[in-house]
Every structure is written in C-alpha cells, then in structure tokens.
Amino acid sequence: MIGRLGRRTAHLVHDVITVVLQSDRIRWLVDVTDLTADQTGLRVLGGAYRRLLRGGRQMILLGASPQLRHALRRLRLAEHVLDPTDDSRA
C-alpha cells in the first residue's frame, strides 16, 4: 500500500479483502512502508483484520512506520498484524 489510507481510499481496501477472501491464500503480506493512515484508515485496517480473521486468513503488515506501529499498539492490533521479525522501521 502506498499513500494515504483514509475515507477516500477505504473502499479500495474493502475490494482487495473481498478478492483475498475468494482466493486460497491464507496469509496476506502487505508492504505498508509508504503508507500513512488517519483515524478512518486505522479503522479500515482493523476491519480488514477482522474480515480476514473470520474468513480464516491472516494479514501481516510489513515496514510499518513508528507512528503506525504506535497507533496499532494503542488499538491492540499490533500483536495481531505486525510481523514481529520486521524491525526495519521500529
């Protein structure tokens, strides 16, 4: 993902999750190195995690900025969606 994740781009993530759920892939690795997310974007990531989890899938975010890591920790999502071995931007 590149750019800003927010109200105007949330539908794109929803569309991708729909496709992922139709595939036979169990794990979805997402490079978020160049991603910024506002409050809406964080809710989108949380919703994507929940949808994938209900579908028996897993989402791993790679390259998260310190700000994104902090926000995901506050939401208690970090341990579920961040790769613990990815300390490239910790």
Protein backbone atom coordinates (compact mmCIF):
# COMPACT_ATOMS: atom_id res chain seq x y z
CA MET A 1 0.00 0.00 0.00
CA ILE A 2 1.27 3.44 -0.89
CA GLY A 3 -0.08 6.82 0.06
CA ARG A 4 -2.77 7.84 2.48
CA LEU A 5 -5.38 5.42 3.78
CA GLY A 6 -8.49 7.29 4.79
CA ARG A 7 -12.11 7.93 3.94
CA ARG A 8 -11.47 8.38 0.22
CA THR A 9 -9.42 5.18 -0.18
CA ALA A 10 -11.15 2.84 2.29
CA HIS A 11 -13.25 1.23 -0.44
CA LEU A 12 -10.08 0.05 -2.21
CA VAL A 13 -9.02 -1.98 0.82
CA HIS A 14 -12.51 -3.42 1.11
CA ASP A 15 -12.36 -4.50 -2.54
CA VAL A 16 -8.97 -6.15 -2.09
CA ILE A 17 -10.12 -8.02 1.03
CA THR A 18 -13.07 -9.38 -0.94
CA VAL A 19 -10.68 -10.74 -3.57
CA VAL A 20 -8.31 -12.17 -0.94
CA LEU A 21 -11.20 -13.97 0.74
CA GLN A 22 -12.09 -15.59 -2.60
CA SER A 23 -8.54 -16.86 -3.12
CA ASP A 24 -6.95 -19.84 -1.47
CA ARG A 25 -4.19 -17.78 0.11
CA ILE A 26 -4.13 -18.00 3.89
CA ARG A 27 -1.60 -15.25 4.57
CA TRP A 28 -1.71 -11.75 3.10
CA LEU A 29 1.61 -9.86 3.39
CA VAL A 30 1.17 -6.12 2.95
CA ASP A 31 4.06 -3.68 2.50
CA VAL A 32 2.99 -0.51 4.31
CA THR A 33 6.38 1.21 4.16
CA ASP A 34 4.95 4.21 2.30
CA LEU A 35 1.52 4.22 3.95
CA THR A 36 0.04 6.87 6.18
CA ALA A 37 -3.29 6.30 7.88
CA ASP A 38 -5.66 8.67 9.61
CA GLN A 39 -8.30 7.53 12.12
CA THR A 40 -10.50 6.24 9.32
CA GLY A 41 -7.55 4.39 7.82
CA LEU A 42 -6.82 2.73 11.17
CA ARG A 43 -10.45 1.62 11.39
CA VAL A 44 -10.14 0.23 7.85
CA LEU A 45 -7.07 -1.80 8.86
CA GLY A 46 -8.91 -3.09 11.93
CA GLY A 47 -11.93 -4.01 9.83
CA ALA A 48 -9.72 -5.73 7.25
CA TYR A 49 -8.06 -7.75 10.01
CA ARG A 50 -11.45 -8.84 11.38
CA ARG A 51 -12.85 -9.77 7.95
CA LEU A 52 -9.78 -11.80 7.10
CA LEU A 53 -9.78 -13.49 10.51
CA ARG A 54 -13.43 -14.50 10.11
CA GLY A 55 -12.51 -15.92 6.70
CA GLY A 56 -9.65 -17.97 8.16
CA ARG A 57 -6.99 -15.65 6.74
CA GLN A 58 -4.15 -13.63 8.23
CA MET A 59 -2.88 -10.15 7.38
CA ILE A 60 0.73 -9.21 8.16
CA LEU A 61 1.85 -5.59 7.76
CA LEU A 62 5.50 -5.13 6.79
CA GLY A 63 7.56 -1.94 7.07
CA ALA A 64 5.15 -0.05 9.30
CA SER A 65 6.35 3.39 10.36
CA PRO A 66 6.87 4.08 14.06
CA GLN A 67 3.68 6.19 14.03
CA LEU A 68 1.62 3.38 12.51
CA ARG A 69 3.14 0.85 14.93
CA HIS A 70 2.25 3.09 17.85
CA ALA A 71 -1.33 3.57 16.64
CA LEU A 72 -1.77 -0.19 16.12
CA ARG A 73 -0.41 -0.84 19.62
CA ARG A 74 -2.94 1.61 21.08
CA LEU A 75 -5.71 -0.26 19.27
CA ARG A 76 -4.28 -3.60 20.47
CA LEU A 77 -3.86 -4.74 16.88
CA ALA A 78 -0.06 -4.66 16.71
CA GLU A 79 0.46 -8.17 18.05
CA HIS A 80 -2.04 -9.49 15.50
CA VAL A 81 -1.00 -7.68 12.31
CA LEU A 82 2.65 -6.66 12.66
CA ASP A 83 5.43 -9.10 11.77
CA PRO A 84 7.49 -9.48 14.98
CA THR A 85 10.63 -10.10 12.91
CA ASP A 86 10.19 -6.90 10.90
CA ASP A 87 12.13 -4.29 12.84
CA SER A 88 13.17 -2.33 9.76
CA ARG A 89 11.46 0.86 10.97
CA ALA A 90 10.84 0.11 14.64
